[in-house]
């Protein structure tokens, strides 16, 4: 093996080792956990190009009861319908979040009443609270002085970033009435203006950056 070939192999191995995965949660209850299939791949591409991440292009899929969730610094949930956590799911998610993990739940419209009920199982002693616009998740890379951007209109309600904080760290983010994931999807899916898609991607990059660094 030549010196140059050996160097190239070392560089390739180094690149592989530095790559990081993120994952989508395949939850129970019948809700469409698989919705917005192009969203995360597009967000990953945007982050790798703009905030110096090295995330594997295709997100993994994990179940909430699996020990595999501990491999990922960022877990994503989305959908329109029912969500159900068993006691095992809830305990595993709680341990993951308390040990340094981060869960982003993006309501794709209709998820909110179900997920709020199930989160009580995960954190019976904590409640979702609105995150102030001064929180670093709104400025970790891109500035959002007014907080969570509105991407899609549903019920005429303002967008809200709700969260659960443990020891001064945001461990769970629930984005409601914003539909960030729709903004991350391929342009032809929703025909959103480019500036709206860019807002969604920038806010998503802020969330990824916060999750990776905190």
Protein backbone atom coordinates (compact mmCIF):
# COMPACT_ATOMS: atom_id res chain seq x y z
CA UNK A 1 0.00 0.00 0.00
CA UNK A 2 1.41 3.40 -0.94
CA UNK A 3 1.74 6.21 1.58
CA UNK A 4 -0.90 8.23 -0.31
CA UNK A 5 -3.38 5.33 -0.33
CA UNK A 6 -2.87 4.80 3.39
CA UNK A 7 -3.48 8.50 4.07
CA UNK A 8 -6.68 8.46 2.00
CA UNK A 9 -7.98 5.42 3.91
CA UNK A 10 -7.23 7.12 7.24
CA UNK A 11 -9.06 10.24 6.11
CA UNK A 12 -12.03 8.17 4.99
CA UNK A 13 -12.16 6.28 8.30
CA UNK A 14 -11.89 9.54 10.22
CA UNK A 15 -14.77 11.01 8.22
CA UNK A 16 -16.93 7.93 8.89
CA UNK A 17 -16.17 7.98 12.60
CA UNK A 18 -17.08 11.64 12.87
CA UNK A 19 -20.42 11.23 11.11
CA UNK A 20 -23.42 11.32 13.41
CA UNK A 21 -26.88 9.88 13.07
CA UNK A 22 -30.25 11.24 14.08
CA UNK A 23 -33.42 9.17 14.30
CA UNK A 24 -37.20 9.22 13.92
CA UNK A 25 -39.34 7.58 16.61
CA UNK A 26 -41.72 4.88 15.41
CA UNK A 27 -44.34 5.23 18.13
CA UNK A 28 -47.47 3.20 18.87
CA UNK A 29 -51.09 4.30 18.76
CA UNK A 30 -51.80 4.35 15.04
CA UNK A 31 -50.55 7.86 14.28
CA UNK A 32 -48.57 8.43 11.09
CA UNK A 33 -45.09 8.59 12.62
CA UNK A 34 -43.70 8.24 9.07
CA UNK A 35 -45.23 11.46 7.68
CA UNK A 36 -43.09 14.13 5.97
CA UNK A 37 -40.60 11.60 4.54
CA UNK A 38 -38.43 14.20 2.78
CA UNK A 39 -38.30 16.58 5.75
CA UNK A 40 -35.41 15.27 7.83
CA UNK A 41 -33.17 14.38 4.86
CA UNK A 42 -33.53 17.97 3.64
CA UNK A 43 -32.83 19.37 7.10
CA UNK A 44 -29.77 17.13 7.41
CA UNK A 45 -28.45 18.36 4.06
CA UNK A 46 -29.04 22.00 5.10
CA UNK A 47 -27.26 21.48 8.44
CA UNK A 48 -24.28 19.72 6.88
CA UNK A 49 -23.91 22.58 4.41
CA UNK A 50 -24.46 25.47 6.82
CA UNK A 51 -23.64 24.60 10.43
CA UNK A 52 -20.69 22.21 9.98
CA UNK A 53 -22.46 19.05 11.09
CA UNK A 54 -21.60 15.65 9.64
CA UNK A 55 -24.93 13.92 9.97
CA UNK A 56 -25.57 10.74 7.98
CA UNK A 57 -27.84 11.64 5.07
CA UNK A 58 -30.62 9.19 5.89
CA UNK A 59 -32.13 9.32 9.41
CA UNK A 60 -32.55 6.05 11.29
CA UNK A 61 -35.83 4.73 12.68
CA UNK A 62 -36.07 3.63 16.33
CA UNK A 63 -38.77 2.46 18.69
CA UNK A 64 -39.19 4.31 21.99
CA UNK A 65 -38.66 1.18 24.10
CA UNK A 66 -35.32 0.31 22.41
CA UNK A 67 -31.89 0.90 23.94
CA UNK A 68 -30.88 2.06 20.46
CA UNK A 69 -32.26 5.53 21.19
CA UNK A 70 -29.22 6.20 23.40
CA UNK A 71 -27.03 6.27 20.27
CA UNK A 72 -28.61 9.47 18.98
CA UNK A 73 -28.20 13.04 20.27
CA UNK A 74 -31.45 14.06 18.53
CA UNK A 75 -34.71 12.16 18.19
CA UNK A 76 -37.63 13.39 16.09
CA UNK A 77 -41.35 12.71 16.29
CA UNK A 78 -44.12 13.95 14.04
CA UNK A 79 -47.57 13.01 12.80
CA UNK A 80 -51.24 13.94 12.68
CA UNK A 81 -52.91 11.47 15.01
CA UNK A 82 -52.80 9.22 18.04
CA UNK A 83 -49.68 8.55 20.09
CA UNK A 84 -49.36 5.92 22.81
CA UNK A 85 -46.44 5.19 25.13
CA UNK A 86 -46.28 2.04 27.23
CA UNK A 87 -44.73 2.29 30.69
CA UNK A 88 -41.55 0.81 29.21
CA UNK A 89 -41.53 3.42 26.43
CA UNK A 90 -42.00 6.24 28.93
CA UNK A 91 -39.27 5.02 31.27
CA UNK A 92 -36.80 4.52 28.44
CA UNK A 93 -37.49 7.97 26.98
CA UNK A 94 -37.18 9.57 30.41
CA UNK A 95 -33.81 7.90 31.03
CA UNK A 96 -32.63 8.93 27.56
CA UNK A 97 -33.59 12.57 28.08
CA UNK A 98 -32.17 12.80 31.61
CA UNK A 99 -28.88 11.29 30.45
CA UNK A 100 -28.30 13.95 27.78
CA UNK A 101 -30.63 13.14 24.89
CA UNK A 102 -32.95 15.53 23.09
CA UNK A 103 -36.44 14.93 21.69
CA UNK A 104 -38.09 17.26 19.17
CA UNK A 105 -41.80 16.66 18.59
CA UNK A 106 -43.19 18.58 15.63
CA UNK A 107 -46.99 18.60 15.51
CA UNK A 108 -47.99 18.06 11.91
CA UNK A 109 -51.55 19.00 12.93
CA UNK A 110 -53.74 16.89 15.18
CA UNK A 111 -51.03 15.36 17.38
CA UNK A 112 -51.21 17.80 20.28
CA UNK A 113 -53.98 16.33 22.51
CA UNK A 114 -52.45 12.85 22.33
CA UNK A 115 -48.80 13.74 22.87
CA UNK A 116 -49.53 16.00 25.83
CA UNK A 117 -51.33 13.15 27.57
CA UNK A 118 -48.50 10.70 26.89
CA UNK A 119 -45.78 13.09 28.04
CA UNK A 120 -47.29 12.95 31.52
CA UNK A 121 -46.13 9.32 31.58
CA UNK A 122 -42.60 10.36 30.66
CA UNK A 123 -42.40 13.25 33.13
CA UNK A 124 -45.19 13.05 35.72
CA UNK A 125 -43.48 15.76 37.77
CA UNK A 126 -42.83 18.20 34.91
CA UNK A 127 -45.05 20.08 32.50
CA UNK A 128 -44.70 21.59 29.07
CA UNK A 129 -44.04 25.32 29.32
CA UNK A 130 -43.65 27.91 26.62
CA UNK A 131 -40.03 28.71 25.90
CA UNK A 132 -39.18 32.43 26.07
CA UNK A 133 -37.82 34.09 22.93
CA UNK A 134 -34.62 34.78 24.88
CA UNK A 135 -33.82 31.05 24.95
CA UNK A 136 -30.64 30.17 23.00
CA UNK A 137 -32.53 27.76 20.74
CA UNK A 138 -33.81 30.85 18.92
CA UNK A 139 -30.30 32.18 18.34
CA UNK A 140 -27.90 29.21 18.40
CA UNK A 141 -27.05 29.94 14.75
CA UNK A 142 -29.83 32.02 13.18
CA UNK A 143 -31.74 34.76 14.98
CA UNK A 144 -35.48 34.41 15.56
CA UNK A 145 -36.21 37.41 17.80
CA UNK A 146 -39.95 36.70 17.72
CA UNK A 147 -39.56 33.01 18.48
CA UNK A 148 -40.90 30.07 16.50
CA UNK A 149 -41.78 30.97 12.88
CA UNK A 150 -45.20 30.23 11.38
CA UNK A 151 -44.79 27.91 8.40
CA UNK A 152 -48.32 26.60 7.77
CA UNK A 153 -51.70 27.93 8.86
CA UNK A 154 -54.19 25.58 10.51
CA UNK A 155 -56.47 26.97 13.20
CA UNK A 156 -55.36 30.59 13.20
CA UNK A 157 -53.37 30.07 16.39
CA UNK A 158 -49.94 31.51 16.96
CA UNK A 159 -46.95 29.16 16.78
CA UNK A 160 -45.66 27.97 20.13
CA UNK A 161 -42.41 26.36 21.21
CA UNK A 162 -43.19 24.37 24.33
CA UNK A 163 -40.56 22.52 26.28
CA UNK A 164 -39.48 20.53 29.29
CA UNK A 165 -36.34 21.65 31.07
CA UNK A 166 -34.16 19.54 33.35
CA UNK A 167 -31.28 21.10 35.28
CA UNK A 168 -31.27 24.21 33.06
CA UNK A 169 -31.17 22.16 29.85
CA UNK A 170 -34.02 21.94 27.38
CA UNK A 171 -34.47 18.19 26.95
CA UNK A 172 -37.75 18.13 25.01
CA UNK A 173 -39.14 20.58 22.47
CA UNK A 174 -42.72 20.47 21.20
CA UNK A 175 -43.32 22.78 18.23
CA UNK A 176 -47.03 23.51 17.87
CA UNK A 177 -49.01 25.41 15.22
CA UNK A 178 -45.83 25.98 13.21
CA UNK A 179 -45.38 22.87 11.03
CA UNK A 180 -41.62 23.11 10.65
CA UNK A 181 -41.50 19.66 9.05
CA UNK A 182 -43.76 20.78 6.21
CA UNK A 183 -41.31 23.57 5.53
CA UNK A 184 -38.41 21.11 5.43
CA UNK A 185 -40.06 18.93 2.79
CA UNK A 186 -39.23 19.05 -0.91
CA UNK A 187 -40.47 22.31 -2.50
CA UNK A 188 -43.04 20.58 -4.70
CA UNK A 189 -44.80 18.89 -1.75
CA UNK A 190 -46.41 22.04 -0.35
CA UNK A 191 -45.33 24.71 -2.86
CA UNK A 192 -44.17 26.98 -0.05
CA UNK A 193 -42.33 30.17 -1.01
CA UNK A 194 -38.57 29.78 -0.76
CA UNK A 195 -38.31 32.34 2.05
CA UNK A 196 -40.80 30.33 4.14
CA UNK A 197 -38.87 27.09 3.54
CA UNK A 198 -35.65 28.85 4.46
CA UNK A 199 -37.13 30.07 7.75
CA UNK A 200 -38.19 26.52 8.58
CA UNK A 201 -34.77 25.09 7.71
CA UNK A 202 -32.92 27.76 9.71
CA UNK A 203 -35.08 27.13 12.76
CA UNK A 204 -34.49 23.40 12.33
CA UNK A 205 -30.74 24.01 12.15
CA UNK A 206 -30.95 25.96 15.41
CA UNK A 207 -32.70 23.01 17.05
CA UNK A 208 -30.11 20.52 15.77
CA UNK A 209 -27.24 22.74 16.87
CA UNK A 210 -28.71 23.15 20.35
CA UNK A 211 -29.33 19.40 20.66
CA UNK A 212 -25.78 18.54 19.62
CA UNK A 213 -24.09 21.08 21.86
CA UNK A 214 -26.13 20.90 25.08
